Protein backbone atom coordinates (compact mmCIF):
# COMPACT_ATOMS: atom_id res chain seq x y z
CA UNK A 1 -62.20 13.26 53.39
CA UNK A 2 -60.54 12.93 49.97
CA UNK A 3 -56.87 13.36 49.12
CA UNK A 4 -57.72 16.65 47.42
CA UNK A 5 -59.30 17.88 50.65
CA UNK A 6 -56.22 16.74 52.60
CA UNK A 7 -53.98 18.73 50.23
CA UNK A 8 -56.18 21.81 50.69
CA UNK A 9 -56.04 21.39 54.48
CA UNK A 10 -52.25 20.90 54.30
CA UNK A 11 -51.95 24.10 52.25
CA UNK A 12 -54.06 26.05 54.73
CA UNK A 13 -52.10 24.77 57.71
CA UNK A 14 -48.80 25.52 55.97
CA UNK A 15 -49.93 29.09 55.29
CA UNK A 16 -51.07 29.60 58.88
CA UNK A 17 -47.88 28.01 60.22
CA UNK A 18 -45.82 30.43 58.11
CA UNK A 19 -47.78 33.34 59.55
CA UNK A 20 -47.29 31.97 63.07
CA UNK A 21 -43.52 31.63 62.80
CA UNK A 22 -43.21 35.13 61.32
CA UNK A 23 -44.90 36.48 64.45
CA UNK A 24 -42.93 34.18 66.79
CA UNK A 25 -39.28 34.21 65.66
CA UNK A 26 -38.17 32.34 68.81
CA UNK A 27 -40.39 29.46 67.71
CA UNK A 28 -38.91 29.54 64.21
CA UNK A 29 -35.38 29.20 65.64
CA UNK A 30 -36.30 25.70 66.85
CA UNK A 31 -36.86 24.46 63.29
CA UNK A 32 -33.77 22.78 61.83
CA UNK A 33 -32.68 23.76 58.32
CA UNK A 34 -34.09 21.44 55.64
CA UNK A 35 -36.40 19.70 58.10
CA UNK A 36 -39.47 18.00 56.69
CA UNK A 37 -42.43 19.43 58.57
CA UNK A 38 -45.35 17.10 59.27
CA UNK A 39 -48.56 18.56 60.65
CA UNK A 40 -50.68 16.48 62.99
CA UNK A 41 -54.11 17.69 64.02
CA UNK A 42 -55.59 16.54 67.30
CA UNK A 43 -59.00 14.91 66.72
CA UNK A 44 -58.33 14.39 62.98
CA UNK A 45 -56.61 10.99 62.82
CA UNK A 46 -57.47 10.52 59.15
CA UNK A 47 -55.58 13.66 58.11
CA UNK A 48 -52.73 12.93 60.52
CA UNK A 49 -52.27 9.43 59.08
CA UNK A 50 -52.31 10.83 55.53
CA UNK A 51 -49.77 13.54 56.47
CA UNK A 52 -47.37 10.97 57.95
CA UNK A 53 -47.68 8.73 54.89
CA UNK A 54 -47.14 11.65 52.51
CA UNK A 55 -44.10 12.80 54.50
CA UNK A 56 -42.60 9.31 54.42
CA UNK A 57 -42.94 9.24 50.63
CA UNK A 58 -41.29 12.68 50.25
CA UNK A 59 -38.50 12.39 52.84
CA UNK A 60 -34.97 12.74 51.52
CA UNK A 61 -32.26 10.43 52.86
CA UNK A 62 -30.94 11.76 56.17
CA UNK A 63 -33.57 14.49 56.34
CA UNK A 64 -34.88 15.29 59.81
CA UNK A 65 -38.62 15.17 60.41
CA UNK A 66 -40.25 17.82 62.56
CA UNK A 67 -43.76 16.99 63.75
CA UNK A 68 -45.99 19.95 64.53
CA UNK A 69 -48.90 19.00 66.78
CA UNK A 70 -51.88 21.31 66.31
CA UNK A 71 -54.74 21.33 68.77
CA UNK A 72 -57.19 22.71 66.21
CA UNK A 73 -57.49 25.01 63.27
CA UNK A 74 -59.89 27.89 63.78
CA UNK A 75 -62.26 28.89 60.98
CA UNK A 76 -60.96 31.66 58.71
CA UNK A 77 -61.64 35.18 59.84
CA UNK A 78 -63.96 37.38 57.90
CA UNK A 79 -62.47 39.85 55.50
CA UNK A 80 -60.67 42.91 56.82
CA UNK A 81 -62.24 45.08 54.11
CA UNK A 82 -64.84 47.51 55.38
CA UNK A 83 -67.75 48.43 53.15
CA UNK A 84 -66.03 48.13 49.74
CA UNK A 85 -67.69 49.76 46.72
CA UNK A 86 -67.39 48.87 43.06
CA UNK A 87 -67.28 51.36 40.23
CA UNK A 88 -67.28 50.15 36.65
CA UNK A 89 -65.97 52.46 33.93
CA UNK A 90 -64.22 52.42 30.56
CA UNK A 91 -61.26 54.50 31.81
CA UNK A 92 -59.68 55.56 35.08
């Protein structure tokens, strides 16, 4: 997997993690302010190693590191749109 793919995976996990903590505020309360969050995916040691290395390079002095262990990332759901139709015109 390339670095570009790792960044895309990191972005996807970050988005899903944001959605998760919005739905679970008690979980969000456990995250210290200004913590550097490092995602680790079970069964993906290549990504996990890259994520740790990237975090190390971006860590600010004295900044706490919070590791989030993820069992797996499910495939994206299909769209929530039902039977959309397109209509092309010159005006509304």
